[in-house]
């Protein structure tokens, strides 16, 4: 990796890299070749929609389709090589840090994309807050091992000392971002979800060093991409010593300057009808039925402010369940974790409801994790199952638990907006 500036041993070490990007003249549009992160493209119709949007959509690389896992990964590698050979994708001439901006309807997010030196949770530099699923790490590792490319940046957050830092303070990453966006971007596009995306390259060594020095004493929270981070660490273990496998593609956001939105990730219990779920809860939770989704979500927000609460759907109506019996929670939730963890909705859902009350295994054939509320309800109704709609956790709680080294149940939070996939890739062959 190209190094500029000096770095503390216990902070973020972000390096420039030669980004691989679509050549605009060779594709229908930049918007048509981008995709949400791989784990958001959860439905076959969503995959088909992206594949048909443009023959070179990035989904053909991040979710290749073939008969076996090995064949899928080989197909991604072959497709990537073809696109590079044909000039669909091309590497930038110089290593850069990339300033990335997303905006829509008053939401504005800006940050730096770069190659981050990897570190373990024990080192306290990059803090995970959720558990991961081994089969997903296996899948992502096999794809990355075969293609030698970081296709999607992880979303990491850090906090500067105050909102004015970087513009009126000591300079650093925020000041660099604010200066850079006054110039013309490398690319600008508006994706189907209405978000505007702009990207700039920073190649000046002095400016890169300014950002690196600012980040050198920071720690970051993984907002999105726990499985990709675990994949990075696994592949680094397979490639010990200096080299490109010791770094991973990330987007760093200062949430003091640009706060992220935190949303819940809902569960769909594929094989548990709503009626059976409610019968099992009788006497253990208070149950109230509402007629519409907006009414249910409003009631959920009010109830969640006072304690554990969930909204069940799938039978055409919406059932708020809250005020769990204290003795039930006490005997089902482990006591060897901090109080903030024991009172999480996701903790009570998994340890009390799924494990004990409903006896639903946490396996893909039984549980789907869905980001969009409407999609979770629709899937539950179609399957005859139960959607468990969750209320989001505050970022401060997530960060507090991560700093204490405590991971939340997997798929507990969804930070956003998430970076679009396909705007800039990192090829390990170029590093």
Protein backbone atom coordinates (compact mmCIF):
# COMPACT_ATOMS: atom_id res chain seq x y z
CA UNK A 1 0.00 0.00 0.00
CA UNK A 2 1.06 3.58 -0.60
CA UNK A 3 1.68 5.32 2.70
CA UNK A 4 1.46 9.00 3.54
CA UNK A 5 1.64 10.64 6.95
CA UNK A 6 2.35 9.07 10.29
CA UNK A 7 0.06 6.74 12.18
CA UNK A 8 -0.62 5.72 15.72
CA UNK A 9 -0.52 2.00 16.40
CA UNK A 10 -3.93 2.02 18.08
CA UNK A 11 -6.03 3.96 15.59
CA UNK A 12 -7.48 3.80 12.10
CA UNK A 13 -4.92 3.47 9.31
CA UNK A 14 -6.54 4.40 6.02
CA UNK A 15 -4.62 4.17 2.76
CA UNK A 16 -5.22 5.25 -0.83
CA UNK A 17 -5.75 2.64 -3.54
CA UNK A 18 -6.30 2.53 -7.31
CA UNK A 19 -10.04 2.30 -7.59
CA UNK A 20 -11.61 0.18 -10.30
CA UNK A 21 -14.67 1.95 -11.75
CA UNK A 22 -17.15 1.63 -14.56
CA UNK A 23 -16.27 3.53 -17.72
CA UNK A 24 -19.41 5.67 -18.21
CA UNK A 25 -19.24 5.56 -22.01
CA UNK A 26 -19.35 1.73 -21.99
CA UNK A 27 -22.53 1.27 -19.92
CA UNK A 28 -26.11 2.45 -20.26
CA UNK A 29 -25.87 4.60 -17.13
CA UNK A 30 -24.01 4.51 -13.84
CA UNK A 31 -27.30 4.20 -11.98
CA UNK A 32 -28.22 1.10 -14.02
CA UNK A 33 -25.02 -0.77 -13.08
CA UNK A 34 -25.15 -0.11 -9.33
CA UNK A 35 -26.81 -2.27 -6.69
CA UNK A 36 -27.69 -2.18 -3.00
CA UNK A 37 -25.32 -4.22 -0.80
CA UNK A 38 -25.47 -7.95 -1.51
CA UNK A 39 -27.43 -8.75 1.67
CA UNK A 40 -30.19 -6.27 0.80
CA UNK A 41 -30.81 -7.97 -2.56
CA UNK A 42 -32.75 -10.71 -0.81
CA UNK A 43 -35.57 -11.60 -3.19
CA UNK A 44 -35.23 -13.35 -6.58
CA UNK A 45 -37.33 -10.64 -8.22
CA UNK A 46 -34.92 -8.02 -6.88
CA UNK A 47 -31.97 -9.91 -8.35
CA UNK A 48 -33.70 -10.32 -11.71
CA UNK A 49 -34.62 -6.64 -11.76
CA UNK A 50 -30.99 -5.63 -11.29
CA UNK A 51 -29.70 -8.14 -13.83
CA UNK A 52 -32.13 -6.79 -16.42
CA UNK A 53 -31.39 -3.13 -15.64
CA UNK A 54 -28.08 -3.37 -17.54
CA UNK A 55 -26.07 -6.39 -18.79
CA UNK A 56 -23.13 -5.10 -16.75
CA UNK A 57 -24.91 -4.54 -13.43
CA UNK A 58 -22.58 -5.17 -10.48
CA UNK A 59 -24.99 -7.79 -9.10
CA UNK A 60 -23.52 -10.20 -11.70
CA UNK A 61 -20.27 -9.98 -9.73
CA UNK A 62 -21.52 -9.86 -6.13
CA UNK A 63 -24.32 -12.44 -6.58
CA UNK A 64 -23.35 -14.52 -9.63
CA UNK A 65 -25.82 -17.21 -10.69
CA UNK A 66 -24.72 -20.78 -11.47
CA UNK A 67 -25.40 -24.35 -10.40
CA UNK A 68 -22.85 -24.68 -7.60
CA UNK A 69 -21.03 -22.28 -5.25
CA UNK A 70 -17.71 -22.96 -6.98
CA UNK A 71 -19.26 -22.36 -10.40
CA UNK A 72 -20.82 -19.11 -9.19
CA UNK A 73 -17.49 -17.78 -7.99
CA UNK A 74 -15.69 -18.82 -11.15
CA UNK A 75 -18.40 -17.12 -13.17
CA UNK A 76 -17.86 -13.89 -11.22
CA UNK A 77 -14.10 -14.07 -11.83
CA UNK A 78 -14.58 -14.73 -15.56
CA UNK A 79 -17.12 -11.92 -15.89
CA UNK A 80 -14.81 -9.53 -14.07
CA UNK A 81 -11.88 -10.42 -16.33
CA UNK A 82 -14.07 -9.95 -19.42
CA UNK A 83 -15.27 -6.53 -18.30
CA UNK A 84 -11.74 -5.37 -17.54
CA UNK A 85 -10.50 -6.65 -20.90
CA UNK A 86 -13.37 -5.00 -22.78
CA UNK A 87 -13.00 -1.67 -21.01
CA UNK A 88 -16.31 -1.86 -19.13
CA UNK A 89 -14.31 -1.47 -15.93
CA UNK A 90 -10.96 0.30 -15.66
CA UNK A 91 -8.51 1.14 -12.89
CA UNK A 92 -7.85 4.76 -12.00
CA UNK A 93 -4.33 5.87 -12.93
CA UNK A 94 -3.34 6.97 -9.40
CA UNK A 95 -3.94 5.70 -5.91
CA UNK A 96 -6.51 7.85 -4.13
CA UNK A 97 -8.75 8.27 -1.15
CA UNK A 98 -12.28 8.82 -2.43
CA UNK A 99 -14.75 11.34 -1.04
CA UNK A 100 -18.25 9.91 -1.33
CA UNK A 101 -21.53 11.79 -0.94
CA UNK A 102 -25.12 10.54 -0.76
CA UNK A 103 -28.15 12.81 -0.49
CA UNK A 104 -31.93 12.61 -0.71
CA UNK A 105 -34.82 14.55 0.84
CA UNK A 106 -32.72 16.35 3.42
CA UNK A 107 -30.52 13.33 4.20
CA UNK A 108 -26.85 14.12 3.57
CA UNK A 109 -23.96 11.74 4.16
CA UNK A 110 -20.31 12.29 3.27
CA UNK A 111 -17.26 10.21 4.05
CA UNK A 112 -13.95 8.76 2.90
CA UNK A 113 -13.48 5.51 1.00
CA UNK A 114 -10.10 3.88 1.37
CA UNK A 115 -8.20 0.68 2.14
CA UNK A 116 -8.17 0.22 5.92
CA UNK A 117 -5.52 -1.79 7.74
CA UNK A 118 -7.31 -4.72 9.37
CA UNK A 119 -7.43 -5.24 13.11
CA UNK A 120 -9.05 -7.72 15.47
CA UNK A 121 -11.79 -6.75 17.95
CA UNK A 122 -9.29 -7.26 20.76
CA UNK A 123 -7.19 -4.40 19.38
CA UNK A 124 -10.11 -2.03 19.90
CA UNK A 125 -9.71 -0.10 16.64
CA UNK A 126 -12.67 -1.41 14.65
CA UNK A 127 -15.55 -2.47 16.87
CA UNK A 128 -18.13 -5.02 15.73
CA UNK A 129 -21.51 -4.95 17.44
CA UNK A 130 -23.25 -7.99 15.94
CA UNK A 131 -22.57 -11.69 15.65
CA UNK A 132 -22.08 -13.21 12.21
CA UNK A 133 -23.35 -16.35 10.50
CA UNK A 134 -20.61 -18.78 9.49
CA UNK A 135 -22.24 -19.83 6.23
CA UNK A 136 -22.38 -16.24 4.98
CA UNK A 137 -18.72 -15.66 5.85
CA UNK A 138 -17.86 -18.88 4.03
CA UNK A 139 -19.77 -17.66 0.96
CA UNK A 140 -18.24 -14.17 0.89
CA UNK A 141 -14.74 -15.53 1.53
CA UNK A 142 -15.01 -17.98 -1.36
CA UNK A 143 -16.10 -15.21 -3.74
CA UNK A 144 -13.35 -12.85 -2.61
CA UNK A 145 -10.74 -15.61 -2.67
CA UNK A 146 -11.63 -16.44 -6.28
CA UNK A 147 -11.88 -12.87 -7.60
CA UNK A 148 -9.29 -11.09 -5.39
CA UNK A 149 -11.55 -8.03 -5.29
CA UNK A 150 -13.28 -6.03 -2.55
CA UNK A 151 -16.55 -5.31 -4.33
CA UNK A 152 -18.36 -3.37 -1.60
CA UNK A 153 -17.11 -0.96 1.05
CA UNK A 154 -18.05 -1.65 4.64
CA UNK A 155 -19.85 1.23 6.35
CA UNK A 156 -17.84 2.33 9.40
CA UNK A 157 -18.61 5.23 11.71
CA UNK A 158 -16.38 7.27 13.97
CA UNK A 159 -16.99 10.36 16.06
CA UNK A 160 -14.91 13.53 15.89
CA UNK A 161 -14.60 15.69 18.99
CA UNK A 162 -17.29 18.14 17.92
CA UNK A 163 -19.35 19.06 14.89
CA UNK A 164 -17.15 22.04 14.03
CA UNK A 165 -13.96 20.02 14.03
CA UNK A 166 -12.39 19.83 10.61
CA UNK A 167 -13.78 23.13 9.40
CA UNK A 168 -12.94 25.47 12.25
CA UNK A 169 -10.81 23.10 14.30
CA UNK A 170 -7.68 21.18 13.57
CA UNK A 171 -8.50 20.28 9.99
CA UNK A 172 -8.26 16.62 9.12
CA UNK A 173 -10.65 14.30 7.35
CA UNK A 174 -13.72 16.52 7.62
CA UNK A 175 -11.87 19.57 6.35
CA UNK A 176 -10.53 17.54 3.43
CA UNK A 177 -14.03 16.37 2.55
CA UNK A 178 -15.51 19.86 2.70
CA UNK A 179 -12.74 21.26 0.48
CA UNK A 180 -12.93 18.41 -2.02
CA UNK A 181 -16.66 18.68 -2.69
CA UNK A 182 -16.22 22.23 -4.03
CA UNK A 183 -14.53 20.77 -7.11
CA UNK A 184 -16.02 18.73 -9.97
CA UNK A 185 -16.74 15.09 -9.09
CA UNK A 186 -15.43 12.03 -10.89
CA UNK A 187 -18.98 10.83 -11.23
CA UNK A 188 -22.52 11.81 -10.31
CA UNK A 189 -25.66 9.72 -10.62
CA UNK A 190 -29.12 9.27 -9.13
CA UNK A 191 -30.13 5.70 -8.33
CA UNK A 192 -33.59 4.18 -8.50
CA UNK A 193 -34.22 4.81 -4.80
CA UNK A 194 -33.89 8.57 -5.37
CA UNK A 195 -30.46 8.96 -3.77
CA UNK A 196 -27.94 11.23 -5.46
CA UNK A 197 -24.37 9.90 -5.42
CA UNK A 198 -21.15 11.82 -6.10
CA UNK A 199 -17.53 10.66 -5.94
CA UNK A 200 -14.22 12.58 -5.92
CA UNK A 201 -10.62 11.32 -5.91
CA UNK A 202 -8.00 12.78 -3.55
CA UNK A 203 -4.50 12.04 -4.82
CA UNK A 204 -2.36 14.83 -3.30
CA UNK A 205 0.01 13.26 -0.72
CA UNK A 206 -0.26 16.21 1.67
CA UNK A 207 -4.06 16.06 1.70
CA UNK A 208 -4.02 12.30 2.15
CA UNK A 209 -1.61 12.70 5.07
CA UNK A 210 -3.93 15.28 6.64
CA UNK A 211 -6.79 12.79 6.70
CA UNK A 212 -4.57 9.91 7.82
CA UNK A 213 -3.16 11.86 10.76
CA UNK A 214 -6.66 12.85 11.86
CA UNK A 215 -7.88 9.25 11.79
CA UNK A 216 -4.79 7.76 13.42
CA UNK A 217 -6.17 8.09 16.96
CA UNK A 218 -9.78 7.22 16.15
CA UNK A 219 -11.72 4.00 16.60
CA UNK A 220 -14.64 3.01 14.39
CA UNK A 221 -17.88 1.11 14.80
CA UNK A 222 -18.99 -1.31 12.10
CA UNK A 223 -22.34 0.11 11.06
CA UNK A 224 -22.88 -2.26 8.13
CA UNK A 225 -20.78 -5.14 6.84
CA UNK A 226 -19.99 -7.44 9.78
CA UNK A 227 -19.81 -10.47 7.49
CA UNK A 228 -17.51 -8.72 5.06
CA UNK A 229 -15.24 -7.62 7.93
CA UNK A 230 -15.12 -11.20 9.24
CA UNK A 231 -14.32 -12.26 5.67
CA UNK A 232 -11.45 -9.77 5.47
CA UNK A 233 -10.00 -11.13 8.72
CA UNK A 234 -10.32 -14.74 7.60
CA UNK A 235 -8.55 -14.06 4.30
CA UNK A 236 -5.83 -12.07 6.04
CA UNK A 237 -5.21 -15.18 8.14
CA UNK A 238 -4.82 -17.18 4.93
CA UNK A 239 -2.29 -14.63 3.59
CA UNK A 240 -0.01 -13.77 6.54
CA UNK A 241 2.62 -11.10 6.28
CA UNK A 242 2.58 -7.76 4.48
CA UNK A 243 0.43 -7.48 1.40
CA UNK A 244 -2.97 -6.44 0.04
CA UNK A 245 -4.90 -9.01 2.10
CA UNK A 246 -4.05 -7.02 5.21
CA UNK A 247 -6.44 -4.24 4.14
CA UNK A 248 -10.13 -3.97 3.34
CA UNK A 249 -12.34 -1.54 1.46
CA UNK A 250 -14.31 0.76 3.80
CA UNK A 251 -16.37 3.93 3.86
CA UNK A 252 -15.68 6.01 6.99
CA UNK A 253 -18.39 8.42 8.19
CA UNK A 254 -18.04 10.95 11.02
CA UNK A 255 -21.47 10.67 12.65
CA UNK A 256 -20.99 13.87 14.63
CA UNK A 257 -20.87 15.76 11.35
CA UNK A 258 -23.13 13.40 9.35
CA UNK A 259 -25.46 11.37 11.61
CA UNK A 260 -26.62 8.06 10.18
CA UNK A 261 -30.16 6.77 10.29
CA UNK A 262 -30.61 3.65 12.41
CA UNK A 263 -33.39 1.27 11.41
CA UNK A 264 -34.47 -2.12 12.65
CA UNK A 265 -34.11 -5.39 10.75
CA UNK A 266 -37.31 -7.41 10.92
CA UNK A 267 -37.77 -11.16 11.15
CA UNK A 268 -40.13 -13.36 9.18
CA UNK A 269 -40.86 -16.68 10.86
CA UNK A 270 -41.61 -18.75 7.79
CA UNK A 271 -43.32 -21.72 9.47
CA UNK A 272 -45.08 -20.12 12.45
CA UNK A 273 -48.62 -18.83 11.76
CA UNK A 274 -49.66 -15.66 13.57
CA UNK A 275 -52.45 -17.42 15.43
CA UNK A 276 -50.06 -19.97 16.91
CA UNK A 277 -47.57 -17.25 17.83
CA UNK A 278 -50.23 -15.26 19.68
CA UNK A 279 -51.64 -18.30 21.49
CA UNK A 280 -48.17 -19.12 22.83
CA UNK A 281 -47.81 -15.56 24.14
CA UNK A 282 -51.11 -15.54 26.02
CA UNK A 283 -50.45 -14.64 29.64
CA UNK A 284 -46.75 -13.89 29.00
CA UNK A 285 -47.13 -10.62 27.07
CA UNK A 286 -49.81 -7.98 26.76
CA UNK A 287 -51.41 -8.27 23.31
CA UNK A 288 -53.29 -5.50 21.48
CA UNK A 289 -54.58 -5.73 17.89
CA UNK A 290 -54.57 -2.80 15.45
CA UNK A 291 -56.05 -2.53 11.99
CA UNK A 292 -53.34 -0.77 9.95
CA UNK A 293 -49.57 -0.83 9.68
CA UNK A 294 -49.15 2.91 10.47
CA UNK A 295 -51.23 2.46 13.63
CA UNK A 296 -49.18 -0.55 14.58
CA UNK A 297 -45.82 1.15 14.04
CA UNK A 298 -46.92 4.20 16.03
CA UNK A 299 -48.04 1.98 18.90
CA UNK A 300 -44.77 0.02 18.66
CA UNK A 301 -42.70 3.19 18.98
CA UNK A 302 -44.66 4.28 22.06
CA UNK A 303 -44.42 0.86 23.70
CA UNK A 304 -40.70 0.45 22.90
CA UNK A 305 -39.94 3.62 24.85
CA UNK A 306 -41.17 1.86 27.99
CA UNK A 307 -39.78 -1.65 27.47
CA UNK A 308 -39.59 -4.63 25.15
CA UNK A 309 -42.19 -4.55 22.39
CA UNK A 310 -42.81 -6.23 19.02
CA UNK A 311 -45.40 -5.93 16.28
CA UNK A 312 -46.60 -9.23 14.80
CA UNK A 313 -48.13 -9.35 11.33
CA UNK A 314 -49.05 -11.83 8.64
CA UNK A 315 -52.79 -12.40 9.07
CA UNK A 316 -54.02 -9.07 7.71
CA UNK A 317 -53.91 -7.29 11.08
CA UNK A 318 -51.17 -6.05 13.39
CA UNK A 319 -50.65 -7.31 16.92
CA UNK A 320 -48.61 -5.30 19.42
CA UNK A 321 -47.03 -7.51 22.07
CA UNK A 322 -45.31 -5.79 24.99
CA UNK A 323 -44.87 -5.85 28.77
CA UNK A 324 -43.32 -9.32 29.00
CA UNK A 325 -43.70 -11.18 32.28
CA UNK A 326 -40.66 -10.33 34.39
CA UNK A 327 -40.17 -13.90 35.61
CA UNK A 328 -40.20 -15.21 32.03
CA UNK A 329 -37.48 -12.78 30.94
CA UNK A 330 -35.46 -13.41 34.09
CA UNK A 331 -35.28 -17.16 33.54
CA UNK A 332 -34.68 -17.07 29.78
CA UNK A 333 -32.22 -14.19 29.21
CA UNK A 334 -28.58 -14.93 30.14
CA UNK A 335 -27.29 -12.93 33.10
CA UNK A 336 -23.62 -12.91 32.10
CA UNK A 337 -23.98 -9.78 29.94
CA UNK A 338 -24.40 -6.07 30.76
CA UNK A 339 -27.86 -4.78 31.54
CA UNK A 340 -28.01 -2.82 28.27
CA UNK A 341 -27.64 -6.10 26.36
CA UNK A 342 -30.16 -8.05 28.47
CA UNK A 343 -32.87 -5.45 27.81
CA UNK A 344 -32.42 -5.26 24.03
CA UNK A 345 -35.48 -6.23 22.02
CA UNK A 346 -33.34 -8.52 19.88
CA UNK A 347 -32.02 -10.28 23.00
CA UNK A 348 -35.51 -10.90 24.37
CA UNK A 349 -36.76 -11.93 20.93
CA UNK A 350 -34.06 -14.54 20.39
CA UNK A 351 -33.58 -15.89 23.91
CA UNK A 352 -37.13 -15.64 25.24
CA UNK A 353 -39.47 -15.85 22.26
CA UNK A 354 -37.62 -17.80 19.57
CA UNK A 355 -35.70 -20.17 21.83
CA UNK A 356 -38.23 -20.82 24.61
CA UNK A 357 -41.77 -19.67 23.81
CA UNK A 358 -41.96 -20.44 20.08
CA UNK A 359 -39.07 -22.96 19.73
CA UNK A 360 -38.09 -21.56 16.33
CA UNK A 361 -34.54 -22.51 15.24
CA UNK A 362 -32.37 -19.60 14.07
CA UNK A 363 -31.79 -21.13 10.65
CA UNK A 364 -32.49 -19.77 7.14
CA UNK A 365 -35.29 -22.25 6.48
CA UNK A 366 -37.12 -20.94 9.55
CA UNK A 367 -36.20 -17.23 9.76
CA UNK A 368 -35.72 -14.57 7.11
CA UNK A 369 -34.15 -11.21 7.97
CA UNK A 370 -35.86 -8.39 6.06
CA UNK A 371 -34.94 -4.68 6.11
CA UNK A 372 -38.11 -3.20 4.62
CA UNK A 373 -41.25 -3.23 6.78
CA UNK A 374 -43.66 -3.66 3.86
CA UNK A 375 -41.59 -6.49 2.41
CA UNK A 376 -41.56 -8.34 5.75
CA UNK A 377 -45.34 -8.09 6.09
CA UNK A 378 -45.89 -9.16 2.47
CA UNK A 379 -43.61 -12.17 2.81
CA UNK A 380 -45.27 -13.30 6.04
CA UNK A 381 -48.73 -13.05 4.48
CA UNK A 382 -47.61 -14.94 1.39
CA UNK A 383 -46.01 -17.76 3.42
CA UNK A 384 -48.65 -17.93 6.12
CA UNK A 385 -45.97 -17.10 8.66
CA UNK A 386 -45.34 -14.34 11.18
CA UNK A 387 -43.50 -11.09 10.64
CA UNK A 388 -41.90 -9.76 13.81
CA UNK A 389 -41.46 -6.03 13.31
CA UNK A 390 -38.81 -4.40 15.48
CA UNK A 391 -38.16 -0.88 16.76
CA UNK A 392 -34.64 0.48 16.02
CA UNK A 393 -31.90 0.68 18.65
CA UNK A 394 -30.24 4.05 19.32
CA UNK A 395 -26.68 4.41 17.98
CA UNK A 396 -25.38 5.36 21.44
CA UNK A 397 -26.52 1.99 22.84
CA UNK A 398 -24.83 0.13 19.97
CA UNK A 399 -21.56 2.01 20.48
CA UNK A 400 -21.66 1.52 24.27
CA UNK A 401 -22.03 -2.23 23.91
CA UNK A 402 -19.35 -2.44 21.21
CA UNK A 403 -16.86 -0.58 23.40
CA UNK A 404 -17.59 -3.04 26.20
CA UNK A 405 -16.77 -5.88 23.79
CA UNK A 406 -20.35 -7.15 23.80
CA UNK A 407 -21.92 -8.20 20.49
CA UNK A 408 -25.65 -7.89 19.86
CA UNK A 409 -27.73 -10.68 18.33
CA UNK A 410 -27.08 -10.75 14.60
CA UNK A 411 -29.13 -8.50 12.35
CA UNK A 412 -30.07 -6.24 15.27
CA UNK A 413 -29.63 -2.93 13.46
CA UNK A 414 -29.55 -1.40 10.01
CA UNK A 415 -27.52 1.78 9.65
CA UNK A 416 -27.99 3.92 6.58
CA UNK A 417 -27.98 5.17 4.03
CA UNK A 418 -25.78 2.35 2.82
CA UNK A 419 -23.21 3.04 0.09
CA UNK A 420 -24.20 1.99 -3.41
CA UNK A 421 -22.31 -1.03 -4.69
CA UNK A 422 -20.48 -0.59 -7.98
CA UNK A 423 -19.22 2.99 -7.80
CA UNK A 424 -15.67 2.01 -6.84
CA UNK A 425 -14.05 -1.43 -6.39
CA UNK A 426 -10.68 -2.41 -4.94
CA UNK A 427 -8.63 -5.00 -6.83
CA UNK A 428 -6.06 -6.71 -4.63
CA UNK A 429 -4.01 -7.41 -7.74
CA UNK A 430 -3.35 -3.66 -8.08
CA UNK A 431 -2.16 -3.24 -4.47
